[in-house]
Protein backbone atom coordinates (compact mmCIF):
# COMPACT_ATOMS: atom_id res chain seq x y z
CA LYS A 1 3.27 28.30 -29.54
CA GLU A 2 0.99 28.64 -26.52
CA GLY A 3 1.28 25.07 -25.01
CA LEU A 4 -1.21 22.41 -25.47
CA PRO A 5 -4.63 23.55 -24.38
CA ASP A 6 -6.44 20.38 -25.46
CA GLU A 7 -4.47 18.16 -23.00
CA PRO A 8 -5.42 18.09 -19.29
CA VAL A 9 -2.91 19.39 -16.85
CA PRO A 10 -1.80 16.48 -14.77
CA VAL A 11 -2.52 16.54 -11.03
CA ILE A 12 0.74 16.80 -9.12
CA GLU A 13 1.15 16.16 -5.45
CA VAL A 14 3.63 18.72 -4.00
CA LEU A 15 6.13 17.67 -1.43
CA ARG A 16 6.73 20.11 1.43
CA LYS A 17 9.86 20.64 3.58
CA GLU A 18 8.33 18.91 6.60
CA ASP A 19 7.58 15.79 4.33
CA ALA A 20 11.22 15.83 3.02
CA MET A 21 12.54 15.97 6.42
CA GLN A 22 10.32 12.99 7.56
CA PHE A 23 10.86 10.94 4.42
CA PRO A 24 14.12 9.23 5.56
CA LEU A 25 12.51 8.29 8.89
CA PHE A 26 9.44 6.71 7.25
CA GLY A 27 11.72 5.04 4.81
CA SER A 28 13.92 3.70 7.57
CA ALA A 29 10.85 2.46 9.47
CA SER A 30 9.50 0.63 6.40
CA LEU A 31 12.84 -0.88 5.55
CA PHE A 32 13.42 -2.19 9.09
CA SER A 33 9.92 -3.47 9.19
CA LEU A 34 10.57 -5.51 6.01
CA TYR A 35 13.86 -6.79 7.58
CA LEU A 36 12.10 -7.98 10.72
CA ALA A 37 9.32 -9.63 8.57
CA PHE A 38 11.92 -11.61 6.68
CA LYS A 39 13.81 -12.39 9.82
CA PHE A 40 10.98 -13.74 11.89
CA PHE A 41 8.36 -14.89 9.48
CA ASP A 42 8.37 -17.45 6.60
CA LYS A 43 10.19 -15.78 3.70
CA ASP A 44 7.87 -17.37 1.00
CA MET A 45 4.77 -16.07 2.85
CA VAL A 46 6.13 -12.65 3.13
CA ASN A 47 6.96 -12.58 -0.52
CA LEU A 48 3.59 -13.94 -1.51
CA VAL A 49 1.73 -11.02 0.30
CA ILE A 50 4.10 -8.51 -1.19
CA SER A 51 3.69 -10.06 -4.67
CA VAL A 52 -0.07 -9.79 -4.47
CA TYR A 53 0.21 -6.14 -3.47
CA PHE A 54 2.67 -5.32 -6.17
CA CYS A 55 0.57 -7.09 -8.77
CA LEU A 56 -2.41 -4.93 -7.85
CA MET A 57 -0.40 -1.77 -7.79
CA GLY A 58 1.32 -2.86 -10.97
CA THR A 59 -1.85 -3.20 -12.79
CA ALA A 60 -2.79 0.38 -11.99
CA ALA A 61 0.73 1.61 -13.06
CA LEU A 62 0.75 -0.27 -16.23
CA THR A 63 -2.63 1.04 -17.12
CA ALA A 64 -1.76 4.56 -16.34
CA THR A 65 1.41 4.24 -18.35
CA PHE A 66 0.13 2.44 -21.52
CA SER A 67 -3.25 4.06 -21.80
CA PRO A 68 -2.00 7.32 -23.31
CA ILE A 69 0.17 5.30 -25.75
CA ILE A 70 -2.82 3.21 -26.92
CA ASP A 71 -4.91 6.30 -27.12
CA SER A 72 -2.50 8.01 -29.49
CA LEU A 73 -2.69 4.96 -31.82
CA LEU A 74 -6.51 4.93 -31.93
CA PRO A 75 -8.66 6.71 -34.55
CA LYS A 76 -10.27 9.88 -33.24
CA LYS A 77 -13.81 8.44 -33.15
CA LEU A 78 -12.58 5.51 -30.94
CA ARG A 79 -10.88 7.95 -28.54
CA GLU A 80 -14.18 9.44 -27.73
CA VAL A 81 -15.71 6.08 -26.79
CA LYS A 82 -16.29 6.11 -22.99
CA PHE A 83 -17.69 3.56 -20.42
CA SER A 84 -19.16 5.08 -17.27
CA LYS A 85 -20.87 3.52 -14.36
CA GLU A 86 -21.99 4.79 -10.90
CA ILE A 87 -22.15 2.21 -8.07
CA LYS A 88 -23.46 2.65 -4.50
CA ILE A 89 -22.02 0.22 -2.07
CA ASN A 90 -23.60 -0.40 1.42
CA HIS A 91 -20.85 -1.46 3.86
CA PRO A 92 -20.72 -2.52 7.44
CA LEU A 93 -17.98 -0.06 8.55
CA PRO A 94 -18.64 1.88 11.75
CA GLU A 95 -19.76 5.46 11.40
CA MET A 96 -16.58 7.00 12.90
CA ILE A 97 -14.47 5.57 9.91
CA GLY A 98 -16.79 6.41 7.12
CA GLY A 99 -19.73 4.01 7.50
CA SER A 100 -22.41 6.78 7.94
CA THR A 101 -23.21 6.83 4.30
CA PRO A 102 -22.86 4.42 1.36
CA TRP A 103 -19.77 4.67 -0.82
CA ASP A 104 -20.53 6.35 -4.13
CA LEU A 105 -18.14 4.98 -6.84
CA SER A 106 -18.01 6.64 -10.25
CA ILE A 107 -16.08 4.68 -12.75
CA GLU A 108 -15.25 6.25 -16.11
CA LEU A 109 -13.01 4.49 -18.70
CA THR A 110 -12.02 5.46 -22.21
CA LEU A 111 -11.48 2.65 -24.73
CA SER A 112 -7.67 3.05 -24.37
CA ASP A 113 -8.08 2.75 -20.53
CA PHE A 114 -10.16 -0.46 -20.99
CA ILE A 115 -7.58 -2.01 -23.45
CA ALA A 116 -4.70 -1.03 -21.21
CA LEU A 117 -6.50 -2.41 -18.07
CA VAL A 118 -7.20 -5.78 -19.60
CA GLY A 119 -3.61 -6.03 -20.89
CA SER A 120 -2.29 -5.02 -17.51
CA ILE A 121 -4.21 -7.57 -15.65
CA ILE A 122 -2.98 -10.40 -18.01
CA PHE A 123 0.55 -8.99 -17.58
CA SER A 124 0.36 -9.04 -13.83
CA VAL A 125 -1.04 -12.52 -13.68
CA LEU A 126 1.82 -13.75 -15.90
CA TYR A 127 4.31 -11.90 -13.77
CA PHE A 128 2.93 -13.37 -10.50
CA GLN A 129 3.37 -16.89 -12.08
CA LYS A 130 6.71 -16.42 -13.87
CA LYS A 131 8.64 -13.67 -12.05
CA HIS A 132 10.86 -13.26 -15.00
CA TRP A 133 13.36 -10.29 -14.63
CA THR A 134 12.34 -8.65 -17.78
CA MET A 135 8.71 -8.45 -16.47
CA ASN A 136 10.05 -7.23 -13.24
CA ASN A 137 11.79 -4.39 -14.96
CA ILE A 138 8.73 -3.40 -16.97
CA LEU A 139 6.72 -3.00 -13.81
CA GLY A 140 9.59 -1.24 -12.07
CA ILE A 141 9.91 1.28 -14.89
CA CYS A 142 6.15 1.96 -14.78
CA PHE A 143 6.33 2.57 -11.07
CA CYS A 144 9.11 4.97 -11.62
CA LEU A 145 7.38 6.88 -14.42
CA GLN A 146 4.07 7.19 -12.47
CA GLY A 147 6.06 8.32 -9.33
CA ILE A 148 7.94 11.02 -11.18
CA GLU A 149 4.94 12.22 -13.06
CA ARG A 150 2.69 12.57 -10.06
CA PHE A 151 4.96 14.08 -7.47
CA SER A 152 6.75 17.44 -7.31
CA LEU A 153 9.44 18.50 -4.81
CA GLY A 154 7.85 21.88 -4.65
CA THR A 155 11.12 23.93 -4.35
CA TYR A 156 14.85 23.40 -4.98
CA LYS A 157 15.35 23.68 -1.18
CA THR A 158 12.98 20.90 -0.53
CA GLY A 159 14.71 18.71 -3.10
CA ALA A 160 18.09 19.42 -1.45
CA ILE A 161 16.66 18.57 1.95
CA LEU A 162 15.23 15.28 0.59
CA LEU A 163 18.42 14.32 -1.26
CA ALA A 164 20.64 15.12 1.76
CA GLY A 165 18.50 13.11 4.11
CA LEU A 166 18.38 10.07 1.90
CA PHE A 167 22.18 10.50 1.28
CA LEU A 168 22.66 9.83 4.92
CA TYR A 169 19.89 7.23 4.92
CA ASP A 170 21.50 5.17 2.15
CA ILE A 171 25.03 5.39 3.75
CA PHE A 172 23.81 4.23 7.21
CA TRP A 173 21.71 1.21 5.97
CA VAL A 174 24.17 -0.02 3.50
CA PHE A 175 27.51 0.45 5.26
CA GLY A 176 26.27 0.54 8.91
CA THR A 177 24.06 -2.55 8.90
CA GLU A 178 23.05 -5.58 6.85
CA VAL A 179 19.42 -4.42 6.65
CA MET A 180 19.43 -2.88 3.09
CA VAL A 181 21.28 -5.72 1.42
CA THR A 182 19.22 -8.37 3.18
CA VAL A 183 15.93 -6.77 2.10
CA ALA A 184 17.00 -6.15 -1.38
CA LYS A 185 18.16 -9.80 -1.91
CA SER A 186 15.22 -11.33 -0.02
CA LEU A 187 12.35 -9.20 -1.42
CA ASP A 188 11.02 -10.83 -4.61
CA GLY A 189 9.17 -7.89 -6.17
CA PRO A 190 9.50 -4.95 -8.60
CA ILE A 191 11.33 -2.63 -6.19
CA LYS A 192 14.51 -2.94 -8.22
CA ILE A 193 15.75 -3.04 -11.80
CA LEU A 194 17.60 -6.27 -12.55
CA PHE A 195 20.54 -6.51 -14.99
CA PRO A 196 22.01 -9.82 -16.10
CA ARG A 197 25.72 -10.18 -15.40
CA SER A 198 25.94 -13.02 -18.01
CA LEU A 199 23.39 -14.52 -20.49
CA ILE A 200 24.68 -17.95 -19.67
CA PRO A 201 22.94 -19.54 -16.75
CA ASP A 202 24.88 -20.79 -13.69
CA PRO A 203 25.55 -24.71 -14.23
CA GLU A 204 24.63 -25.58 -10.63
CA SER A 205 21.48 -23.41 -9.98
CA GLY A 206 20.33 -23.06 -13.61
CA LYS A 207 19.67 -19.31 -13.00
CA ILE A 208 21.16 -16.23 -14.55
CA ALA A 209 23.34 -14.08 -12.15
CA LEU A 210 21.66 -10.65 -11.72
CA SER A 211 22.80 -7.30 -10.53
CA LEU A 212 20.19 -4.85 -9.06
CA LEU A 213 19.47 -1.10 -8.88
CA GLY A 214 16.82 -0.03 -6.39
CA LEU A 215 13.87 1.97 -7.74
CA GLY A 216 14.75 4.74 -5.23
CA ASP A 217 17.97 5.34 -6.96
CA ILE A 218 15.93 6.16 -10.05
CA VAL A 219 12.81 7.85 -8.68
CA ILE A 220 14.39 10.19 -6.07
CA PRO A 221 16.88 11.67 -8.54
CA GLY A 222 14.07 11.64 -11.03
CA PHE A 223 11.98 13.95 -8.81
CA PHE A 224 14.99 16.31 -8.70
CA LEU A 225 15.69 16.28 -12.45
CA SER A 226 12.00 16.87 -13.30
CA LEU A 227 12.04 19.88 -10.94
CA LEU A 228 15.11 21.18 -12.83
CA LEU A 229 13.31 20.59 -16.18
CA ARG A 230 10.31 22.60 -14.94
CA PHE A 231 12.65 25.30 -13.83
CA ASP A 232 14.06 25.39 -17.37
CA ALA A 233 10.57 25.69 -18.71
CA HIS A 234 9.94 28.55 -16.24
CA ASN A 235 13.02 30.43 -17.33
CA ALA A 236 12.05 29.91 -21.01
CA LYS A 237 8.68 31.50 -20.17
CA VAL A 238 6.78 28.43 -21.37
CA PRO A 239 3.15 29.23 -20.31
CA TYR A 240 2.06 25.60 -19.99
CA PHE A 241 4.52 22.86 -19.36
CA PRO A 242 3.64 20.56 -22.25
CA MET A 243 3.38 16.84 -22.44
CA ASN A 244 4.47 17.00 -26.20
CA VAL A 245 8.02 15.74 -26.25
CA HIS A 246 8.74 17.67 -29.52
CA TYR A 247 8.18 21.02 -27.79
CA SER A 248 11.64 22.62 -27.63
CA PHE A 249 13.16 25.08 -25.17
CA PRO A 250 16.68 25.42 -23.61
CA LYS A 251 17.24 22.95 -20.77
CA PRO A 252 20.67 23.76 -19.27
CA TYR A 253 19.76 22.78 -15.70
CA PHE A 254 18.17 19.49 -16.80
CA HIS A 255 21.00 18.59 -19.01
CA SER A 256 23.60 19.33 -16.31
CA GLY A 257 21.64 17.45 -13.67
CA LEU A 258 21.36 14.50 -16.02
CA ILE A 259 25.09 14.55 -16.61
CA GLY A 260 25.71 14.66 -12.95
CA TYR A 261 23.35 11.61 -12.49
CA ILE A 262 25.12 9.74 -15.18
CA LEU A 263 28.60 10.45 -13.73
CA GLY A 264 27.29 9.46 -10.27
CA MET A 265 25.87 6.21 -11.59
CA ALA A 266 29.11 5.45 -13.49
CA THR A 267 31.08 6.01 -10.31
CA THR A 268 28.80 3.78 -8.36
CA MET A 269 29.26 0.87 -10.90
CA PHE A 270 33.09 1.49 -10.97
CA VAL A 271 33.44 1.37 -7.06
CA MET A 272 31.07 -1.73 -6.83
CA ILE A 273 33.11 -3.72 -9.42
CA LYS A 274 36.37 -2.51 -7.98
CA PHE A 275 35.67 -3.45 -4.38
CA ASN A 276 33.14 -6.24 -5.17
CA ALA A 277 30.70 -4.88 -2.54
CA ALA A 278 27.25 -3.30 -2.52
CA GLN A 279 27.31 0.42 -2.80
CA PRO A 280 24.79 3.11 -1.65
CA ALA A 281 24.16 4.62 -5.00
CA LEU A 282 22.84 7.91 -3.56
CA LEU A 283 26.40 8.37 -2.07
CA TYR A 284 27.48 9.25 -5.55
CA LEU A 285 24.21 10.43 -7.15
CA VAL A 286 23.30 13.13 -4.67
CA PRO A 287 26.65 15.11 -5.02
CA GLY A 288 26.38 14.65 -8.71
CA CYS A 289 22.84 16.02 -9.05
CA LEU A 290 23.19 18.79 -6.50
CA GLY A 291 26.72 19.80 -7.41
CA SER A 292 26.02 20.09 -11.15
CA SER A 293 22.86 22.06 -10.82
CA CYS A 294 24.41 24.50 -8.26
CA LEU A 295 27.42 24.87 -10.48
CA THR A 296 25.33 25.64 -13.56
CA ALA A 297 23.29 28.23 -11.54
CA PHE A 298 26.51 29.83 -10.19
CA MET A 299 28.07 30.11 -13.74
CA ARG A 300 24.76 31.53 -15.14
CA GLY A 301 24.35 34.02 -12.20
CA GLU A 302 20.92 32.52 -11.31
CA LEU A 303 21.78 30.81 -8.00
CA GLY A 304 19.35 33.03 -6.12
CA ALA A 305 16.59 32.39 -8.71
CA LEU A 306 17.05 28.64 -8.49
CA MET A 307 16.86 28.75 -4.59
CA GLU A 308 13.70 30.86 -4.64
CA TYR A 309 11.97 28.79 -7.44
CA SER A 310 8.72 27.36 -6.05
CA GLU A 311 5.90 25.08 -7.36
CA GLU A 312 4.03 25.13 -4.01
CA PRO A 313 0.50 26.45 -4.26
CA ASP A 314 -0.15 29.89 -2.59
CA GLU A 315 -2.07 29.77 0.78
CA GLU A 316 -4.77 32.12 -0.68
CA GLU A 317 -5.37 29.68 -3.67
CA GLU A 318 -5.62 26.77 -1.32
CA LYS A 319 -8.22 28.61 0.81
CA LYS A 320 -10.20 29.40 -2.32
CA GLU A 321 -10.04 25.80 -3.53
CA ASP A 322 -11.12 24.56 -0.02
CA SER A 323 -14.09 27.11 0.14
CA SER A 324 -15.23 26.06 -3.36
CA GLU A 325 -15.06 22.41 -2.40
CA ASP A 326 -17.07 23.09 0.77
CA LYS A 327 -19.70 24.98 -1.26
CA LYS A 328 -19.98 22.16 -3.68
CA LYS A 329 -20.50 19.67 -0.75
CA ASP A 330 -23.19 21.93 0.75
CA ASP A 331 -24.89 22.15 -2.60
CA GLU A 332 -24.90 18.35 -3.02
CA ALA A 333 -26.22 17.96 0.56
CA LYS A 334 -29.08 20.35 -0.27
CA LYS A 335 -29.88 18.47 -3.41
CA ASP A 336 -30.05 15.21 -1.57
CA ASN A 337 -32.34 16.67 1.19
């Protein structure tokens, strides 16, 4: 079976080593900025701004997640229905930041995109009004899926650098300061998955007690596990990594990494319940994911192959792509003239 040629190859943004090294620094800056915002500004106003932002981003994430599902349920004729529109917008921006020419917006939606978009807008409006924990989780899961789908760690070494950096980041901000816990409890948005401790509301507050798991504890290991899955596909000589979930090939690295993640998460929950205190999940998830994958590679005699595996584009290919894009721009400029 030669892959799935009818399906478009998803565009994946590749993370480089430099990005992985800087990630904990940018994450720390963002986290501390939120902490200062909650400390010195009105909490409700900060949450209002953040809620509006997440509703807009959530609409996009929901649309991207559910559009393929809706498309698979539609008859073939309806799948081919498309709405397209080209819009030119004149704007007052200065020339130095893109105001020299009007913005050309090209909008193309399939019927499934349109249905998903309308449903996503309705869902986001309801979430903004209700803020129910189940709706929060749906948005959070969509953010996780879209993040994992659209980003690649590039190499195993880059993944190890990222996980090691965030391992230290998580320990410092949870154990060393009150910043992480304060932001997690104060921020009212889908940056965490919520779990009810009991289905019976508290008699005094009337609210259900909830435990939380940050999306970073899902997305970051998710990047790593998806890299292991693609490495399995590479080893199995799969010519095109398919979107078809029924496509079967051996997945030793993915399965071992997944087991490591589950054991790490179980350890996190055990320690949290045992000591009744917030725990940095990456403290347990990082050793679980890195240790299990390295152990699997060592036992299979593929440690070198795992370390050398790369999804980063070659410099020559990048130069060819850049030159072809420049040529297209020149041709378009000549046509306009």
